[in-house]
Amino acid sequence: MEILKALPYLAGILATVGAGAKWLYGQIKGDRDRYEKLYQQKQKEVEQLNDQISKLEIKIIKLEASQKDAFFDGKDKNNHE
């Protein structure tokens, strides 16, 4: 008989815990979605920066090659004839 009297209280507690868990899950899901969007934005930025680095490395290599070619005139540098 005491269990029957306590049954509404137990149902209330379970409903409260269930609602709290549902709310918490919704908050976590929202945070996950927000951080996923931020991650994708940062990933795009990283890809753009990697592209810029690659272009600059190519430019550096071309400049170094052009400097080496500028000193090459068909004569040996050590031989000043």
N, C-alpha and C. Protein backbone atom coordinates (compact mmCIF):
# COMPACT_ATOMS: atom_id res chain seq x y z
N MET A 1 0.80 -1.19 0.00
CA MET A 1 0.00 0.00 0.00
C MET A 1 0.86 1.27 0.00
N GLU A 2 1.96 1.23 0.70
CA GLU A 2 2.85 2.39 0.74
C GLU A 2 3.45 2.64 -0.65
N ILE A 3 3.64 1.56 -1.38
CA ILE A 3 4.21 1.70 -2.73
C ILE A 3 3.22 2.45 -3.63
N LEU A 4 1.94 2.18 -3.47
CA LEU A 4 0.93 2.87 -4.27
C LEU A 4 0.89 4.36 -3.96
N LYS A 5 1.11 4.72 -2.71
CA LYS A 5 1.13 6.13 -2.34
C LYS A 5 2.38 6.82 -2.89
N ALA A 6 3.48 6.09 -2.96
CA ALA A 6 4.74 6.65 -3.43
C ALA A 6 4.84 6.64 -4.96
N LEU A 7 3.97 5.90 -5.62
CA LEU A 7 4.03 5.76 -7.08
C LEU A 7 3.94 7.11 -7.82
N PRO A 8 3.07 8.03 -7.47
CA PRO A 8 3.05 9.32 -8.17
C PRO A 8 4.35 10.11 -7.99
N TYR A 9 4.94 10.00 -6.82
CA TYR A 9 6.21 10.69 -6.56
C TYR A 9 7.33 10.08 -7.41
N LEU A 10 7.35 8.76 -7.50
CA LEU A 10 8.36 8.08 -8.32
C LEU A 10 8.19 8.44 -9.79
N ALA A 11 6.93 8.49 -10.24
CA ALA A 11 6.66 8.86 -11.62
C ALA A 11 7.11 10.29 -11.89
N GLY A 12 6.89 11.18 -10.95
CA GLY A 12 7.33 12.57 -11.07
C GLY A 12 8.84 12.68 -11.14
N ILE A 13 9.51 11.91 -10.28
CA ILE A 13 10.98 11.92 -10.27
C ILE A 13 11.51 11.39 -11.60
N LEU A 14 10.95 10.29 -12.10
CA LEU A 14 11.40 9.73 -13.37
C LEU A 14 11.13 10.69 -14.53
N ALA A 15 9.99 11.36 -14.50
CA ALA A 15 9.69 12.33 -15.55
C ALA A 15 10.66 13.50 -15.52
N THR A 16 10.99 13.96 -14.31
CA THR A 16 11.93 15.06 -14.16
C THR A 16 13.31 14.66 -14.66
N VAL A 17 13.75 13.47 -14.27
CA VAL A 17 15.06 12.99 -14.71
C VAL A 17 15.07 12.81 -16.23
N GLY A 18 13.98 12.27 -16.78
CA GLY A 18 13.88 12.10 -18.23
C GLY A 18 13.91 13.42 -18.97
N ALA A 19 13.19 14.40 -18.46
CA ALA A 19 13.17 15.72 -19.08
C ALA A 19 14.54 16.38 -18.99
N GLY A 20 15.19 16.21 -17.86
CA GLY A 20 16.54 16.77 -17.69
C GLY A 20 17.53 16.14 -18.65
N ALA A 21 17.43 14.83 -18.82
CA ALA A 21 18.32 14.13 -19.75
C ALA A 21 18.06 14.59 -21.19
N LYS A 22 16.79 14.76 -21.53
CA LYS A 22 16.43 15.22 -22.88
C LYS A 22 16.96 16.62 -23.12
N TRP A 23 16.81 17.50 -22.13
CA TRP A 23 17.31 18.86 -22.24
C TRP A 23 18.83 18.87 -22.39
N LEU A 24 19.50 18.07 -21.57
CA LEU A 24 20.96 18.00 -21.63
C LEU A 24 21.43 17.48 -22.98
N TYR A 25 20.76 16.47 -23.50
CA TYR A 25 21.10 15.92 -24.80
C TYR A 25 20.93 17.00 -25.88
N GLY A 26 19.87 17.78 -25.80
CA GLY A 26 19.64 18.86 -26.76
C GLY A 26 20.74 19.91 -26.69
N GLN A 27 21.17 20.24 -25.49
CA GLN A 27 22.25 21.22 -25.32
C GLN A 27 23.56 20.68 -25.91
N ILE A 28 23.85 19.44 -25.63
CA ILE A 28 25.08 18.83 -26.14
C ILE A 28 25.03 18.75 -27.67
N LYS A 29 23.88 18.40 -28.20
CA LYS A 29 23.72 18.31 -29.66
C LYS A 29 23.91 19.68 -30.30
N GLY A 30 23.36 20.72 -29.68
CA GLY A 30 23.52 22.08 -30.19
C GLY A 30 24.98 22.52 -30.16
N ASP A 31 25.66 22.23 -29.06
CA ASP A 31 27.08 22.56 -28.96
C ASP A 31 27.88 21.81 -30.00
N ARG A 32 27.55 20.54 -30.22
CA ARG A 32 28.25 19.73 -31.21
C ARG A 32 28.10 20.34 -32.60
N ASP A 33 26.89 20.74 -32.94
CA ASP A 33 26.65 21.34 -34.25
C ASP A 33 27.41 22.65 -34.41
N ARG A 34 27.41 23.45 -33.37
CA ARG A 34 28.11 24.74 -33.42
C ARG A 34 29.61 24.54 -33.58
N TYR A 35 30.18 23.60 -32.83
CA TYR A 35 31.61 23.35 -32.94
C TYR A 35 31.97 22.67 -34.26
N GLU A 36 31.06 21.90 -34.81
CA GLU A 36 31.30 21.28 -36.12
C GLU A 36 31.39 22.36 -37.20
N LYS A 37 30.51 23.37 -37.12
CA LYS A 37 30.56 24.48 -38.08
C LYS A 37 31.87 25.26 -37.93
N LEU A 38 32.26 25.53 -36.69
CA LEU A 38 33.52 26.23 -36.45
C LEU A 38 34.70 25.43 -36.98
N TYR A 39 34.67 24.12 -36.78
CA TYR A 39 35.73 23.25 -37.27
C TYR A 39 35.81 23.31 -38.79
N GLN A 40 34.68 23.27 -39.46
CA GLN A 40 34.67 23.32 -40.92
C GLN A 40 35.21 24.66 -41.42
N GLN A 41 34.85 25.75 -40.74
CA GLN A 41 35.38 27.06 -41.13
C GLN A 41 36.89 27.11 -40.97
N LYS A 42 37.36 26.62 -39.84
CA LYS A 42 38.81 26.62 -39.60
C LYS A 42 39.53 25.70 -40.58
N GLN A 43 38.89 24.60 -40.94
CA GLN A 43 39.48 23.68 -41.91
C GLN A 43 39.64 24.37 -43.26
N LYS A 44 38.65 25.16 -43.67
CA LYS A 44 38.74 25.92 -44.92
C LYS A 44 39.89 26.93 -44.84
N GLU A 45 40.01 27.61 -43.70
CA GLU A 45 41.10 28.57 -43.51
C GLU A 45 42.45 27.88 -43.61
N VAL A 46 42.57 26.71 -43.01
CA VAL A 46 43.82 25.96 -43.06
C VAL A 46 44.15 25.57 -44.50
N GLU A 47 43.15 25.13 -45.25
CA GLU A 47 43.38 24.77 -46.65
C GLU A 47 43.84 25.98 -47.46
N GLN A 48 43.22 27.14 -47.22
CA GLN A 48 43.63 28.35 -47.93
C GLN A 48 45.06 28.74 -47.56
N LEU A 49 45.39 28.64 -46.29
CA LEU A 49 46.75 28.97 -45.87
C LEU A 49 47.77 27.99 -46.44
N ASN A 50 47.40 26.71 -46.52
CA ASN A 50 48.30 25.72 -47.13
C ASN A 50 48.51 26.03 -48.60
N ASP A 51 47.45 26.46 -49.29
CA ASP A 51 47.59 26.86 -50.70
C ASP A 51 48.52 28.06 -50.83
N GLN A 52 48.36 29.03 -49.94
CA GLN A 52 49.24 30.21 -49.98
C GLN A 52 50.69 29.82 -49.72
N ILE A 53 50.90 28.92 -48.77
CA ILE A 53 52.26 28.46 -48.47
C ILE A 53 52.85 27.77 -49.68
N SER A 54 52.07 26.92 -50.33
CA SER A 54 52.56 26.22 -51.52
C SER A 54 52.94 27.21 -52.62
N LYS A 55 52.09 28.21 -52.84
CA LYS A 55 52.39 29.22 -53.86
C LYS A 55 53.65 29.99 -53.52
N LEU A 56 53.81 30.34 -52.25
CA LEU A 56 55.00 31.09 -51.84
C LEU A 56 56.25 30.23 -51.96
N GLU A 57 56.14 28.94 -51.64
CA GLU A 57 57.29 28.05 -51.78
C GLU A 57 57.71 27.94 -53.25
N ILE A 58 56.73 27.85 -54.13
CA ILE A 58 57.03 27.79 -55.56
C ILE A 58 57.70 29.09 -56.00
N LYS A 59 57.19 30.21 -55.51
CA LYS A 59 57.77 31.51 -55.86
C LYS A 59 59.21 31.60 -55.37
N ILE A 60 59.47 31.11 -54.16
CA ILE A 60 60.83 31.13 -53.61
C ILE A 60 61.76 30.26 -54.46
N ILE A 61 61.29 29.10 -54.84
CA ILE A 61 62.10 28.21 -55.66
C ILE A 61 62.42 28.86 -57.01
N LYS A 62 61.42 29.51 -57.61
CA LYS A 62 61.64 30.20 -58.88
C LYS A 62 62.64 31.34 -58.72
N LEU A 63 62.52 32.09 -57.63
CA LEU A 63 63.46 33.19 -57.39
C LEU A 63 64.88 32.66 -57.18
N GLU A 64 65.01 31.58 -56.41
CA GLU A 64 66.33 31.00 -56.19
C GLU A 64 66.92 30.50 -57.51
N ALA A 65 66.08 29.88 -58.33
CA ALA A 65 66.56 29.38 -59.62
C ALA A 65 66.97 30.53 -60.53
N SER A 66 66.21 31.62 -60.51
CA SER A 66 66.56 32.75 -61.36
C SER A 66 67.84 33.42 -60.88
N GLN A 67 68.10 33.42 -59.59
CA GLN A 67 69.35 33.99 -59.08
C GLN A 67 70.54 33.13 -59.49
N LYS A 68 70.36 31.83 -59.45
CA LYS A 68 71.43 30.94 -59.89
C LYS A 68 71.70 31.12 -61.37
N ASP A 69 70.66 31.28 -62.16
CA ASP A 69 70.82 31.49 -63.59
C ASP A 69 71.47 32.84 -63.88
N ALA A 70 71.23 33.83 -63.05
CA ALA A 70 71.80 35.14 -63.27
C ALA A 70 73.32 35.12 -63.14
N PHE A 71 73.84 34.23 -62.31
CA PHE A 71 75.28 34.14 -62.13
C PHE A 71 75.94 33.18 -63.13
N PHE A 72 75.13 32.46 -63.85
CA PHE A 72 75.68 31.50 -64.81
C PHE A 72 75.82 32.18 -66.17
N ASP A 73 77.05 32.42 -66.56
CA ASP A 73 77.29 33.05 -67.86
C ASP A 73 78.15 32.15 -68.75
N GLY A 74 78.28 30.90 -68.38
CA GLY A 74 79.05 29.96 -69.19
C GLY A 74 80.50 29.88 -68.76
N LYS A 75 80.93 30.75 -67.91
CA LYS A 75 82.33 30.73 -67.43
C LYS A 75 82.36 30.24 -66.00
N ASP A 76 83.43 29.65 -65.64
CA ASP A 76 83.63 29.18 -64.28
C ASP A 76 83.96 30.38 -63.40
N LYS A 77 83.34 30.50 -62.25
CA LYS A 77 83.57 31.64 -61.36
C LYS A 77 85.00 31.65 -60.84
N ASN A 78 85.57 30.49 -60.61
CA ASN A 78 86.93 30.42 -60.08
C ASN A 78 87.96 30.75 -61.12
N ASN A 79 87.61 30.62 -62.35
CA ASN A 79 88.53 30.89 -63.44
C ASN A 79 88.21 32.27 -63.99
N HIS A 80 89.03 33.29 -63.70
CA HIS A 80 88.74 34.66 -64.06
C HIS A 80 89.42 35.04 -65.38
N GLU A 81 89.46 34.20 -66.35
CA GLU A 81 90.14 34.49 -67.62
C GLU A 81 89.27 35.26 -68.54
